[in-house]
Amino acid sequence: MKNNPVVPYILILAFGIGLIFFMSLQGADNKKEIAAEHEGGGETTTETTDAEADGSALVQSCIGCHGGDLTGSMGPNLHGLDEAHIVEVLTKGIEGTPMQPNMKTEEEAKAIAEYISTLE
């Protein structure tokens, strides 16, 4: 009798469906713990100031043009720029560039400028 070449695929399919079902039950059992982690209820291992936390999170929108380390790419190098200049550009923009007015609030711009000033 010949072996049917479809049988292994059917077994893999059945195993995959069973695994998905098991994982969804596992997630349903742990939904409160998962929700607590996403709401900030999970443990943190490092402590940062509010400005560092805000600035490092907010600066993620800058890396597309200024590069991952903010040393320049399509946009200029941001290291060594004056904090006041960074705030001005983020709030007032630069005509003829992707830096449009009101890209960030004054508070967000200050947090980003403070964060960038700590980079070497």
PDB file of N, CA and C in Angstrom:
ATOM      1  N   MET A   1       0.835  -1.167   0.000  1.00  0.00           N
ATOM      2  CA  MET A   1       0.000   0.000   0.000  1.00  0.00           C
ATOM      3  C   MET A   1       0.893   1.248   0.000  1.00  0.00           C
ATOM      4  N   LYS A   2       0.534   2.235  -0.811  1.00  0.00           N
ATOM      5  CA  LYS A   2       1.311   3.454  -0.938  1.00  0.00           C
ATOM      6  C   LYS A   2       0.983   4.430   0.188  1.00  0.00           C
ATOM      7  N   ASN A   3       1.994   5.192   0.600  1.00  0.00           N
ATOM      8  CA  ASN A   3       1.766   6.251   1.584  1.00  0.00           C
ATOM      9  C   ASN A   3       1.153   7.452   0.878  1.00  0.00           C
ATOM     10  N   ASN A   4       0.165   8.030   1.491  1.00  0.00           N
ATOM     11  CA  ASN A   4      -0.486   9.207   0.932  1.00  0.00           C
ATOM     12  C   ASN A   4       0.369  10.435   1.259  1.00  0.00           C
ATOM     13  N   PRO A   5       0.826  11.207   0.240  1.00  0.00           N
ATOM     14  CA  PRO A   5       1.709  12.361   0.502  1.00  0.00           C
ATOM     15  C   PRO A   5       0.992  13.525   1.187  1.00  0.00           C
ATOM     16  N   VAL A   6      -0.316  13.494   1.291  1.00  0.00           N
ATOM     17  CA  VAL A   6      -1.075  14.593   1.894  1.00  0.00           C
ATOM     18  C   VAL A   6      -1.163  14.446   3.409  1.00  0.00           C
ATOM     19  N   VAL A   7      -0.980  13.246   3.930  1.00  0.00           N
ATOM     20  CA  VAL A   7      -1.148  12.975   5.355  1.00  0.00           C
ATOM     21  C   VAL A   7      -0.255  13.851   6.234  1.00  0.00           C
ATOM     22  N   PRO A   8       1.028  14.004   5.925  1.00  0.00           N
ATOM     23  CA  PRO A   8       1.846  14.872   6.797  1.00  0.00           C
ATOM     24  C   PRO A   8       1.321  16.317   6.860  1.00  0.00           C
ATOM     25  N   TYR A   9       0.834  16.817   5.739  1.00  0.00           N
ATOM     26  CA  TYR A   9       0.314  18.181   5.718  1.00  0.00           C
ATOM     27  C   TYR A   9      -0.950  18.298   6.561  1.00  0.00           C
ATOM     28  N   ILE A  10      -1.780  17.292   6.523  1.00  0.00           N
ATOM     29  CA  ILE A  10      -2.994  17.287   7.334  1.00  0.00           C
ATOM     30  C   ILE A  10      -2.640  17.239   8.815  1.00  0.00           C
ATOM     31  N   LEU A  11      -1.629  16.452   9.166  1.00  0.00           N
ATOM     32  CA  LEU A  11      -1.188  16.383  10.564  1.00  0.00           C
ATOM     33  C   LEU A  11      -0.635  17.725  11.038  1.00  0.00           C
ATOM     34  N   ILE A  12       0.150  18.373  10.186  1.00  0.00           N
ATOM     35  CA  ILE A  12       0.707  19.685  10.540  1.00  0.00           C
ATOM     36  C   ILE A  12      -0.419  20.704  10.702  1.00  0.00           C
ATOM     37  N   LEU A  13      -1.408  20.665   9.813  1.00  0.00           N
ATOM     38  CA  LEU A  13      -2.552  21.554   9.904  1.00  0.00           C
ATOM     39  C   LEU A  13      -3.308  21.346  11.209  1.00  0.00           C
ATOM     40  N   ALA A  14      -3.578  20.085  11.536  1.00  0.00           N
ATOM     41  CA  ALA A  14      -4.311  19.780  12.767  1.00  0.00           C
ATOM     42  C   ALA A  14      -3.522  20.237  13.994  1.00  0.00           C
ATOM     43  N   PHE A  15      -2.216  20.008  13.995  1.00  0.00           N
ATOM     44  CA  PHE A  15      -1.368  20.438  15.108  1.00  0.00           C
ATOM     45  C   PHE A  15      -1.391  21.966  15.234  1.00  0.00           C
ATOM     46  N   GLY A  16      -1.301  22.670  14.106  1.00  0.00           N
ATOM     47  CA  GLY A  16      -1.316  24.135  14.118  1.00  0.00           C
ATOM     48  C   GLY A  16      -2.622  24.691  14.663  1.00  0.00           C
ATOM     49  N   ILE A  17      -3.738  24.123  14.234  1.00  0.00           N
ATOM     50  CA  ILE A  17      -5.032  24.579  14.733  1.00  0.00           C
ATOM     51  C   ILE A  17      -5.154  24.313  16.227  1.00  0.00           C
ATOM     52  N   GLY A  18      -4.702  23.150  16.669  1.00  0.00           N
ATOM     53  CA  GLY A  18      -4.730  22.833  18.100  1.00  0.00           C
ATOM     54  C   GLY A  18      -3.873  23.795  18.899  1.00  0.00           C
ATOM     55  N   LEU A  19      -2.702  24.133  18.372  1.00  0.00           N
ATOM     56  CA  LEU A  19      -1.796  25.062  19.050  1.00  0.00           C
ATOM     57  C   LEU A  19      -2.425  26.452  19.151  1.00  0.00           C
ATOM     58  N   ILE A  20      -3.039  26.912  18.084  1.00  0.00           N
ATOM     59  CA  ILE A  20      -3.696  28.224  18.100  1.00  0.00           C
ATOM     60  C   ILE A  20      -4.822  28.230  19.140  1.00  0.00           C
ATOM     61  N   PHE A  21      -5.602  27.168  19.177  1.00  0.00           N
ATOM     62  CA  PHE A  21      -6.697  27.072  20.144  1.00  0.00           C
ATOM     63  C   PHE A  21      -6.153  27.114  21.570  1.00  0.00           C
ATOM     64  N   PHE A  22      -5.094  26.334  21.836  1.00  0.00           N
ATOM     65  CA  PHE A  22      -4.499  26.290  23.174  1.00  0.00           C
ATOM     66  C   PHE A  22      -3.955  27.664  23.569  1.00  0.00           C
ATOM     67  N   MET A  23      -3.259  28.337  22.646  1.00  0.00           N
ATOM     68  CA  MET A  23      -2.678  29.649  22.953  1.00  0.00           C
ATOM     69  C   MET A  23      -3.769  30.685  23.211  1.00  0.00           C
ATOM     70  N   SER A  24      -4.893  30.612  22.500  1.00  0.00           N
ATOM     71  CA  SER A  24      -5.965  31.576  22.747  1.00  0.00           C
ATOM     72  C   SER A  24      -6.596  31.350  24.114  1.00  0.00           C
ATOM     73  N   LEU A  25      -6.714  30.085  24.532  1.00  0.00           N
ATOM     74  CA  LEU A  25      -7.221  29.813  25.878  1.00  0.00           C
ATOM     75  C   LEU A  25      -6.254  30.327  26.937  1.00  0.00           C
ATOM     76  N   GLN A  26      -4.972  30.142  26.690  1.00  0.00           N
ATOM     77  CA  GLN A  26      -3.942  30.613  27.617  1.00  0.00           C
ATOM     78  C   GLN A  26      -4.006  32.136  27.743  1.00  0.00           C
ATOM     79  N   GLY A  27      -4.190  32.831  26.619  1.00  0.00           N
ATOM     80  CA  GLY A  27      -4.305  34.289  26.639  1.00  0.00           C
ATOM     81  C   GLY A  27      -5.549  34.754  27.357  1.00  0.00           C
ATOM     82  N   ALA A  28      -6.644  34.030  27.181  1.00  0.00           N
ATOM     83  CA  ALA A  28      -7.894  34.391  27.855  1.00  0.00           C
ATOM     84  C   ALA A  28      -7.750  34.248  29.359  1.00  0.00           C
ATOM     85  N   ASP A  29      -7.008  33.246  29.794  1.00  0.00           N
ATOM     86  CA  ASP A  29      -6.791  33.051  31.226  1.00  0.00           C
ATOM     87  C   ASP A  29      -5.914  34.150  31.823  1.00  0.00           C
ATOM     88  N   ASN A  30      -5.015  34.706  31.026  1.00  0.00           N
ATOM     89  CA  ASN A  30      -4.057  35.697  31.527  1.00  0.00           C
ATOM     90  C   ASN A  30      -4.394  37.125  31.104  1.00  0.00           C
ATOM     91  N   LYS A  31      -5.608  37.383  30.648  1.00  0.00           N
ATOM     92  CA  LYS A  31      -5.923  38.700  30.105  1.00  0.00           C
ATOM     93  C   LYS A  31      -5.792  39.828  31.122  1.00  0.00           C
ATOM     94  N   LYS A  32      -6.098  39.569  32.398  1.00  0.00           N
ATOM     95  CA  LYS A  32      -5.959  40.626  33.399  1.00  0.00           C
ATOM     96  C   LYS A  32      -4.496  40.988  33.619  1.00  0.00           C
ATOM     97  N   GLU A  33      -3.628  39.983  33.644  1.00  0.00           N
ATOM     98  CA  GLU A  33      -2.195  40.242  33.813  1.00  0.00           C
ATOM     99  C   GLU A  33      -1.632  40.985  32.606  1.00  0.00           C
ATOM    100  N   ILE A  34      -2.055  40.579  31.412  1.00  0.00           N
ATOM    101  CA  ILE A  34      -1.576  41.224  30.192  1.00  0.00           C
ATOM    102  C   ILE A  34      -2.047  42.673  30.152  1.00  0.00           C
ATOM    103  N   ALA A  35      -3.299  42.923  30.512  1.00  0.00           N
ATOM    104  CA  ALA A  35      -3.836  44.287  30.524  1.00  0.00           C
ATOM    105  C   ALA A  35      -3.092  45.151  31.534  1.00  0.00           C
ATOM    106  N   ALA A  36      -2.752  44.598  32.686  1.00  0.00           N
ATOM    107  CA  ALA A  36      -2.028  45.360  33.702  1.00  0.00           C
ATOM    108  C   ALA A  36      -0.651  45.763  33.196  1.00  0.00           C
ATOM    109  N   GLU A  37       0.014  44.887  32.445  1.00  0.00           N
ATOM    110  CA  GLU A  37       1.329  45.218  31.894  1.00  0.00           C
ATOM    111  C   GLU A  37       1.223  46.344  30.875  1.00  0.00           C
ATOM    112  N   HIS A  38       0.186  46.321  30.045  1.00  0.00           N
ATOM    113  CA  HIS A  38       0.025  47.356  29.030  1.00  0.00           C
ATOM    114  C   HIS A  38      -0.405  48.686  29.624  1.00  0.00           C
ATOM    115  N   GLU A  39      -1.013  48.693  30.771  1.00  0.00           N
ATOM    116  CA  GLU A  39      -1.445  49.932  31.420  1.00  0.00           C
ATOM    117  C   GLU A  39      -0.351  50.506  32.311  1.00  0.00           C
ATOM    118  N   GLY A  40       0.819  49.900  32.301  1.00  0.00           N
ATOM    119  CA  GLY A  40       1.916  50.405  33.113  1.00  0.00           C
ATOM    120  C   GLY A  40       1.986  49.751  34.471  1.00  0.00           C
ATOM    121  N   GLY A  41       1.218  48.713  34.679  1.00  0.00           N
ATOM    122  CA  GLY A  41       1.215  48.034  35.957  1.00  0.00           C
ATOM    123  C   GLY A  41       2.355  47.052  36.110  1.00  0.00           C
ATOM    124  N   GLY A  42       3.072  46.785  34.990  1.00  0.00           N
ATOM    125  CA  GLY A  42       4.190  45.857  35.048  1.00  0.00           C
ATOM    126  C   GLY A  42       5.381  46.493  35.733  1.00  0.00           C
ATOM    127  N   GLU A  43       6.342  45.673  36.110  1.00  0.00           N
ATOM    128  CA  GLU A  43       7.532  46.181  36.785  1.00  0.00           C
ATOM    129  C   GLU A  43       8.463  46.843  35.788  1.00  0.00           C
ATOM    130  N   THR A  44       9.116  47.916  36.223  1.00  0.00           N
ATOM    131  CA  THR A  44      10.130  48.556  35.401  1.00  0.00           C
ATOM    132  C   THR A  44      11.465  48.330  36.067  1.00  0.00           C
ATOM    133  N   THR A  45      12.504  48.187  35.238  1.00  0.00           N
ATOM    134  CA  THR A  45      13.813  47.870  35.782  1.00  0.00           C
ATOM    135  C   THR A  45      14.753  49.063  35.774  1.00  0.00           C
ATOM    136  N   THR A  46      14.422  50.112  34.999  1.00  0.00           N
ATOM    137  CA  THR A  46      15.273  51.289  34.960  1.00  0.00           C
ATOM    138  C   THR A  46      14.449  52.500  35.329  1.00  0.00           C
ATOM    139  N   GLU A  47      15.124  53.466  35.923  1.00  0.00           N
ATOM    140  CA  GLU A  47      14.448  54.697  36.288  1.00  0.00           C
ATOM    141  C   GLU A  47      15.019  55.824  35.449  1.00  0.00           C
ATOM    142  N   THR A  48      14.129  56.647  34.897  1.00  0.00           N
ATOM    143  CA  THR A  48      14.545  57.809  34.133  1.00  0.00           C
ATOM    144  C   THR A  48      13.714  58.991  34.587  1.00  0.00           C
ATOM    145  N   THR A  49      14.226  60.177  34.301  1.00  0.00           N
ATOM    146  CA  THR A  49      13.441  61.361  34.618  1.00  0.00           C
ATOM    147  C   THR A  49      12.310  61.474  33.617  1.00  0.00           C
ATOM    148  N   ASP A  50      11.292  62.274  33.942  1.00  0.00           N
ATOM    149  CA  ASP A  50      10.160  62.442  33.041  1.00  0.00           C
ATOM    150  C   ASP A  50      10.605  63.017  31.703  1.00  0.00           C
ATOM    151  N   ALA A  51      11.515  63.988  31.732  1.00  0.00           N
ATOM    152  CA  ALA A  51      11.976  64.611  30.489  1.00  0.00           C
ATOM    153  C   ALA A  51      12.709  63.595  29.619  1.00  0.00           C
ATOM    154  N   GLU A  52      13.559  62.757  30.239  1.00  0.00           N
ATOM    155  CA  GLU A  52      14.270  61.741  29.461  1.00  0.00           C
ATOM    156  C   GLU A  52      13.292  60.746  28.859  1.00  0.00           C
ATOM    157  N   ALA A  53      12.327  60.315  29.655  1.00  0.00           N
ATOM    158  CA  ALA A  53      11.355  59.349  29.170  1.00  0.00           C
ATOM    159  C   ALA A  53      10.516  59.954  28.058  1.00  0.00           C
ATOM    160  N   ASP A  54      10.024  61.167  28.278  1.00  0.00           N
ATOM    161  CA  ASP A  54       9.218  61.820  27.263  1.00  0.00           C
ATOM    162  C   ASP A  54      10.050  62.117  26.022  1.00  0.00           C
ATOM    163  N   GLY A  55      11.229  62.682  26.216  1.00  0.00           N
ATOM    164  CA  GLY A  55      12.079  63.051  25.090  1.00  0.00           C
ATOM    165  C   GLY A  55      12.521  61.854  24.275  1.00  0.00           C
ATOM    166  N   SER A  56      12.930  60.778  24.941  1.00  0.00           N
ATOM    167  CA  SER A  56      13.389  59.606  24.195  1.00  0.00           C
ATOM    168  C   SER A  56      12.243  58.956  23.440  1.00  0.00           C
ATOM    169  N   ALA A  57      11.038  59.027  23.962  1.00  0.00           N
ATOM    170  CA  ALA A  57       9.879  58.474  23.251  1.00  0.00           C
ATOM    171  C   ALA A  57       9.470  59.406  22.110  1.00  0.00           C
ATOM    172  N   LEU A  58       9.442  60.697  22.371  1.00  0.00           N
ATOM    173  CA  LEU A  58       9.015  61.660  21.363  1.00  0.00           C
ATOM    174  C   LEU A  58      10.004  61.770  20.208  1.00  0.00           C
ATOM    175  N   VAL A  59      11.279  61.564  20.473  1.00  0.00           N
ATOM    176  CA  VAL A  59      12.298  61.720  19.440  1.00  0.00           C
ATOM    177  C   VAL A  59      12.213  60.602  18.393  1.00  0.00           C
ATOM    178  N   GLN A  60      11.443  59.569  18.672  1.00  0.00           N
ATOM    179  CA  GLN A  60      11.284  58.486  17.705  1.00  0.00           C
ATOM    180  C   GLN A  60      10.694  58.993  16.388  1.00  0.00           C
ATOM    181  N   SER A  61       9.901  60.048  16.451  1.00  0.00           N
ATOM    182  CA  SER A  61       9.325  60.606  15.224  1.00  0.00           C
ATOM    183  C   SER A  61      10.370  61.362  14.408  1.00  0.00           C
ATOM    184  N   CYS A  62      11.546  61.609  14.965  1.00  0.00           N
ATOM    185  CA  CYS A  62      12.596  62.370  14.281  1.00  0.00           C
ATOM    186  C   CYS A  62      13.567  61.471  13.507  1.00  0.00           C
ATOM    187  N   ILE A  63      13.640  60.205  13.887  1.00  0.00           N
ATOM    188  CA  ILE A  63      14.701  59.353  13.334  1.00  0.00           C
ATOM    189  C   ILE A  63      14.516  59.042  11.851  1.00  0.00           C
ATOM    190  N   GLY A  64      13.312  59.202  11.331  1.00  0.00           N
ATOM    191  CA  GLY A  64      13.103  58.953   9.907  1.00  0.00           C
ATOM    192  C   GLY A  64      13.936  59.882   9.037  1.00  0.00           C
ATOM    193  N   CYS A  65      14.069  61.118   9.440  1.00  0.00           N
ATOM    194  CA  CYS A  65      14.841  62.103   8.660  1.00  0.00           C
ATOM    195  C   CYS A  65      16.235  62.355   9.219  1.00  0.00           C
ATOM    196  N   HIS A  66      16.391  62.246  10.524  1.00  0.00           N
ATOM    197  CA  HIS A  66      17.661  62.604  11.151  1.00  0.00           C
ATOM    198  C   HIS A  66      18.511  61.395  11.517  1.00  0.00           C
ATOM    199  N   GLY A  67      18.065  60.209  11.191  1.00  0.00           N
ATOM    200  CA  GLY A  67      18.834  58.989  11.448  1.00  0.00           C
ATOM    201  C   GLY A  67      18.590  58.440  12.840  1.00  0.00           C
ATOM    202  N   GLY A  68      18.863  57.159  12.996  1.00  0.00           N
ATOM    203  CA  GLY A  68      18.612  56.469  14.253  1.00  0.00           C
ATOM    204  C   GLY A  68      19.353  57.055  15.436  1.00  0.00           C
ATOM    205  N   ASP A  69      20.547  57.586  15.195  1.00  0.00           N
ATOM    206  CA  ASP A  69      21.321  58.189  16.283  1.00  0.00           C
ATOM    207  C   ASP A  69      21.267  59.717  16.232  1.00  0.00           C
ATOM    208  N   LEU A  70      20.402  60.248  15.358  1.00  0.00           N
ATOM    209  CA  LEU A  70      20.180  61.686  15.194  1.00  0.00           C
ATOM    210  C   LEU A  70      21.414  62.455  14.743  1.00  0.00           C
ATOM    211  N   THR A  71      22.352  61.746  14.079  1.00  0.00           N
ATOM    212  CA  THR A  71      23.555  62.412  13.569  1.00  0.00           C
ATOM    213  C   THR A  71      23.383  62.848  12.124  1.00  0.00           C
ATOM    214  N   GLY A  72      22.190  62.731  11.600  1.00  0.00           N
ATOM    215  CA  GLY A  72      21.913  63.224  10.259  1.00  0.00           C
ATOM    216  C   GLY A  72      21.673  62.101   9.271  1.00  0.00           C
ATOM    217  N   SER A  73      20.812  62.380   8.359  1.00  0.00           N
ATOM    218  CA  SER A  73      20.493  61.484   7.252  1.00  0.00           C
ATOM    219  C   SER A  73      19.952  62.404   6.177  1.00  0.00           C
ATOM    220  N   MET A  74      18.658  62.365   5.958  1.00  0.00           N
ATOM    221  CA  MET A  74      18.033  63.321   5.048  1.00  0.00           C
ATOM    222  C   MET A  74      18.019  64.705   5.715  1.00  0.00           C
ATOM    223  N   GLY A  75      17.824  64.720   7.029  1.00  0.00           N
ATOM    224  CA  GLY A  75      17.862  65.963   7.806  1.00  0.00           C
ATOM    225  C   GLY A  75      19.237  66.123   8.450  1.00  0.00           C
ATOM    226  N   PRO A  76      19.522  67.284   9.031  1.00  0.00           N
ATOM    227  CA  PRO A  76      20.841  67.539   9.603  1.00  0.00           C
ATOM    228  C   PRO A  76      21.091  66.813  10.928  1.00  0.00           C
ATOM    229  N   ASN A  77      22.362  66.828  11.321  1.00  0.00           N
ATOM    230  CA  ASN A  77      22.791  66.298  12.614  1.00  0.00           C
ATOM    231  C   ASN A  77      22.180  67.165  13.715  1.00  0.00           C
ATOM    232  N   LEU A  78      21.550  66.537  14.701  1.00  0.00           N
ATOM    233  CA  LEU A  78      20.922  67.293  15.784  1.00  0.00           C
ATOM    234  C   LEU A  78      21.821  67.425  17.010  1.00  0.00           C
ATOM    235  N   HIS A  79      22.907  66.682  17.054  1.00  0.00           N
ATOM    236  CA  HIS A  79      23.806  66.750  18.203  1.00  0.00           C
ATOM    237  C   HIS A  79      24.473  68.122  18.253  1.00  0.00           C
ATOM    238  N   GLY A  80      24.537  68.679  19.437  1.00  0.00           N
ATOM    239  CA  GLY A  80      25.210  69.950  19.642  1.00  0.00           C
ATOM    240  C   GLY A  80      24.366  71.174  19.329  1.00  0.00           C
ATOM    241  N   LEU A  81      23.115  70.976  18.895  1.00  0.00           N
ATOM    242  CA  LEU A  81      22.264  72.139  18.629  1.00  0.00           C
ATOM    243  C   LEU A  81      21.773  72.735  19.944  1.00  0.00           C
ATOM    244  N   ASP A  82      21.559  74.031  19.927  1.00  0.00           N
ATOM    245  CA  ASP A  82      21.052  74.759  21.078  1.00  0.00           C
ATOM    246  C   ASP A  82      19.614  74.321  21.358  1.00  0.00           C
ATOM    247  N   GLU A  83      19.290  74.107  22.632  1.00  0.00           N
ATOM    248  CA  GLU A  83      17.943  73.674  23.008  1.00  0.00           C
ATOM    249  C   GLU A  83      16.881  74.657  22.528  1.00  0.00           C
ATOM    250  N   ALA A  84      17.157  75.945  22.643  1.00  0.00           N
ATOM    251  CA  ALA A  84      16.178  76.956  22.219  1.00  0.00           C
ATOM    252  C   ALA A  84      15.903  76.853  20.721  1.00  0.00           C
ATOM    253  N   HIS A  85      16.949  76.563  19.942  1.00  0.00           N
ATOM    254  CA  HIS A  85      16.782  76.418  18.492  1.00  0.00           C
ATOM    255  C   HIS A  85      15.909  75.204  18.167  1.00  0.00           C
ATOM    256  N   ILE A  86      16.137  74.105  18.858  1.00  0.00           N
ATOM    257  CA  ILE A  86      15.344  72.887  18.637  1.00  0.00           C
ATOM    258  C   ILE A  86      13.879  73.159  18.957  1.00  0.00           C
ATOM    259  N   VAL A  87      13.621  73.825  20.079  1.00  0.00           N
ATOM    260  CA  VAL A  87      12.242  74.148  20.463  1.00  0.00           C
ATOM    261  C   VAL A  87      11.602  75.041  19.409  1.00  0.00           C
ATOM    262  N   GLU A  88      12.337  76.033  18.936  1.00  0.00           N
ATOM    263  CA  GLU A  88      11.804  76.949  17.932  1.00  0.00           C
ATOM    264  C   GLU A  88      11.446  76.215  16.637  1.00  0.00           C
ATOM    265  N   VAL A  89      12.323  75.345  16.182  1.00  0.00           N
ATOM    266  CA  VAL A  89      12.071  74.611  14.941  1.00  0.00           C
ATOM    267  C   VAL A  89      10.872  73.677  15.098  1.00  0.00           C
ATOM    268  N   LEU A  90      10.793  72.996  16.234  1.00  0.00           N
ATOM    269  CA  LEU A  90       9.686  72.056  16.438  1.00  0.00           C
ATOM    270  C   LEU A  90       8.338  72.753  16.587  1.00  0.00           C
ATOM    271  N   THR A  91       8.338  73.973  17.072  1.00  0.00           N
ATOM    272  CA  THR A  91       7.067  74.678  17.268  1.00  0.00           C
ATOM    273  C   THR A  91       6.724  75.611  16.103  1.00  0.00           C
ATOM    274  N   LYS A  92       7.756  76.220  15.476  1.00  0.00           N
ATOM    275  CA  LYS A  92       7.492  77.186  14.401  1.00  0.00           C
ATOM    276  C   LYS A  92       7.789  76.642  13.016  1.00  0.00           C
ATOM    277  N   GLY A  93       8.566  75.555  12.931  1.00  0.00           N
ATOM    278  CA  GLY A  93       8.878  74.953  11.647  1.00  0.00           C
ATOM    279  C   GLY A  93       9.943  75.711  10.880  1.00  0.00           C
ATOM    280  N   ILE A  94      10.292  75.165   9.708  1.00  0.00           N
ATOM    281  CA  ILE A  94      11.230  75.806   8.790  1.00  0.00           C
ATOM    282  C   ILE A  94      10.573  75.756   7.413  1.00  0.00           C
ATOM    283  N   GLU A  95      10.290  76.913   6.855  1.00  0.00           N
ATOM    284  CA  GLU A  95       9.588  76.984   5.575  1.00  0.00           C
ATOM    285  C   GLU A  95      10.386  76.263   4.485  1.00  0.00           C
ATOM    286  N   GLY A  96       9.667  75.520   3.656  1.00  0.00           N
ATOM    287  CA  GLY A  96      10.292  74.816   2.537  1.00  0.00           C
ATOM    288  C   GLY A  96      10.894  73.474   2.905  1.00  0.00           C
ATOM    289  N   THR A  97      10.689  73.030   4.147  1.00  0.00           N
ATOM    290  CA  THR A  97      11.208  71.734   4.598  1.00  0.00           C
ATOM    291  C   THR A  97      10.060  70.917   5.193  1.00  0.00           C
ATOM    292  N   PRO A  98      10.315  69.658   5.461  1.00  0.00           N
ATOM    293  CA  PRO A  98       9.277  68.859   6.138  1.00  0.00           C
ATOM    294  C   PRO A  98       8.972  69.324   7.564  1.00  0.00           C
ATOM    295  N   MET A  99       9.789  70.215   8.116  1.00  0.00           N
ATOM    296  CA  MET A  99       9.571  70.722   9.475  1.00  0.00           C
ATOM    297  C   MET A  99       8.484  71.791   9.431  1.00  0.00           C
ATOM    298  N   GLN A 100       7.250  71.355   9.638  1.00  0.00           N
ATOM    299  CA  GLN A 100       6.095  72.240   9.574  1.00  0.00           C
ATOM    300  C   GLN A 100       5.815  72.881  10.942  1.00  0.00           C
ATOM    301  N   PRO A 101       5.155  74.041  10.951  1.00  0.00           N
ATOM    302  CA  PRO A 101       4.799  74.676  12.230  1.00  0.00           C
ATOM    303  C   PRO A 101       3.888  73.761  13.062  1.00  0.00           C
ATOM    304  N   ASN A 102       4.030  73.874  14.359  1.00  0.00           N
ATOM    305  CA  ASN A 102       3.200  73.137  15.322  1.00  0.00           C
ATOM    306  C   ASN A 102       3.314  71.618  15.206  1.00  0.00           C
ATOM    307  N   MET A 103       4.497  71.148  14.861  1.00  0.00           N
ATOM    308  CA  MET A 103       4.701  69.695  14.812  1.00  0.00           C
ATOM    309  C   MET A 103       4.621  69.110  16.222  1.00  0.00           C
ATOM    310  N   LYS A 104       5.094  69.863  17.189  1.00  0.00           N
ATOM    311  CA  LYS A 104       5.058  69.443  18.591  1.00  0.00           C
ATOM    312  C   LYS A 104       4.578  70.609  19.435  1.00  0.00           C
ATOM    313  N   THR A 105       4.014  70.282  20.588  1.00  0.00           N
ATOM    314  CA  THR A 105       3.638  71.337  21.526  1.00  0.00           C
ATOM    315  C   THR A 105       4.905  71.894  22.156  1.00  0.00           C
ATOM    316  N   GLU A 106       4.784  73.016  22.815  1.00  0.00           N
ATOM    317  CA  GLU A 106       5.942  73.630  23.488  1.00  0.00           C
ATOM    318  C   GLU A 106       6.541  72.663  24.503  1.00  0.00           C
ATOM    319  N   GLU A 107       5.694  71.990  25.261  1.00  0.00           N
ATOM    320  CA  GLU A 107       6.158  71.052  26.284  1.00  0.00           C
ATOM    321  C   GLU A 107       6.888  69.866  25.644  1.00  0.00           C
ATOM    322  N   GLU A 108       6.318  69.314  24.567  1.00  0.00           N
ATOM    323  CA  GLU A 108       6.958  68.193  23.870  1.00  0.00           C
ATOM    324  C   GLU A 108       8.288  68.630  23.274  1.00  0.00           C
ATOM    325  N   ALA A 109       8.311  69.816  22.676  1.00  0.00           N
ATOM    326  CA  ALA A 109       9.534  70.332  22.063  1.00  0.00           C
ATOM    327  C   ALA A 109      10.637  70.514  23.109  1.00  0.00           C
ATOM    328  N   LYS A 110      10.273  71.018  24.285  1.00  0.00           N
ATOM    329  CA  LYS A 110      11.268  71.188  25.358  1.00  0.00           C
ATOM    330  C   LYS A 110      11.802  69.836  25.822  1.00  0.00           C
ATOM    331  N   ALA A 111      10.929  68.833  25.939  1.00  0.00           N
ATOM    332  CA  ALA A 111      11.369  67.499  26.354  1.00  0.00           C
ATOM    333  C   ALA A 111      12.315  66.906  25.322  1.00  0.00           C
ATOM    334  N   ILE A 112      11.997  67.072  24.037  1.00  0.00           N
ATOM    335  CA  ILE A 112      12.873  66.566  22.974  1.00  0.00           C
ATOM    336  C   ILE A 112      14.208  67.296  23.005  1.00  0.00           C
ATOM    337  N   ALA A 113      14.181  68.618  23.126  1.00  0.00           N
ATOM    338  CA  ALA A 113      15.415  69.413  23.148  1.00  0.00           C
ATOM    339  C   ALA A 113      16.290  69.024  24.329  1.00  0.00           C
ATOM    340  N   GLU A 114      15.683  68.837  25.473  1.00  0.00           N
ATOM    341  CA  GLU A 114      16.442  68.444  26.659  1.00  0.00           C
ATOM    342  C   GLU A 114      17.071  67.068  26.462  1.00  0.00           C
ATOM    343  N   TYR A 115      16.322  66.148  25.863  1.00  0.00           N
ATOM    344  CA  TYR A 115      16.849  64.804  25.607  1.00  0.00           C
ATOM    345  C   TYR A 115      18.018  64.859  24.623  1.00  0.00           C
ATOM    346  N   ILE A 116      17.838  65.605  23.535  1.00  0.00           N
ATOM    347  CA  ILE A 116      18.887  65.691  22.507  1.00  0.00           C
ATOM    348  C   ILE A 116      20.152  66.303  23.092  1.00  0.00           C
ATOM    349  N   SER A 117      20.020  67.255  24.007  1.00  0.00           N
ATOM    350  CA  SER A 117      21.194  67.894  24.609  1.00  0.00           C
ATOM    351  C   SER A 117      22.011  66.914  25.454  1.00  0.00           C
ATOM    352  N   THR A 118      21.413  65.788  25.859  1.00  0.00           N
ATOM    353  CA  THR A 118      22.159  64.795  26.654  1.00  0.00           C
ATOM    354  C   THR A 118      22.921  63.816  25.782  1.00  0.00           C
ATOM    355  N   LEU A 119      22.663  63.823  24.462  1.00  0.00           N
ATOM    356  CA  LEU A 119      23.321  62.888  23.550  1.00  0.00           C
ATOM    357  C   LEU A 119      24.734  63.338  23.236  1.00  0.00           C
ATOM    358  N   GLU A 120      25.602  62.389  23.040  1.00  0.00           N
ATOM    359  CA  GLU A 120      26.997  62.718  22.690  1.00  0.00           C
ATOM    360  C   GLU A 120      27.291  62.283  21.281  1.00  0.00           C
TER     361      GLU A 120
END
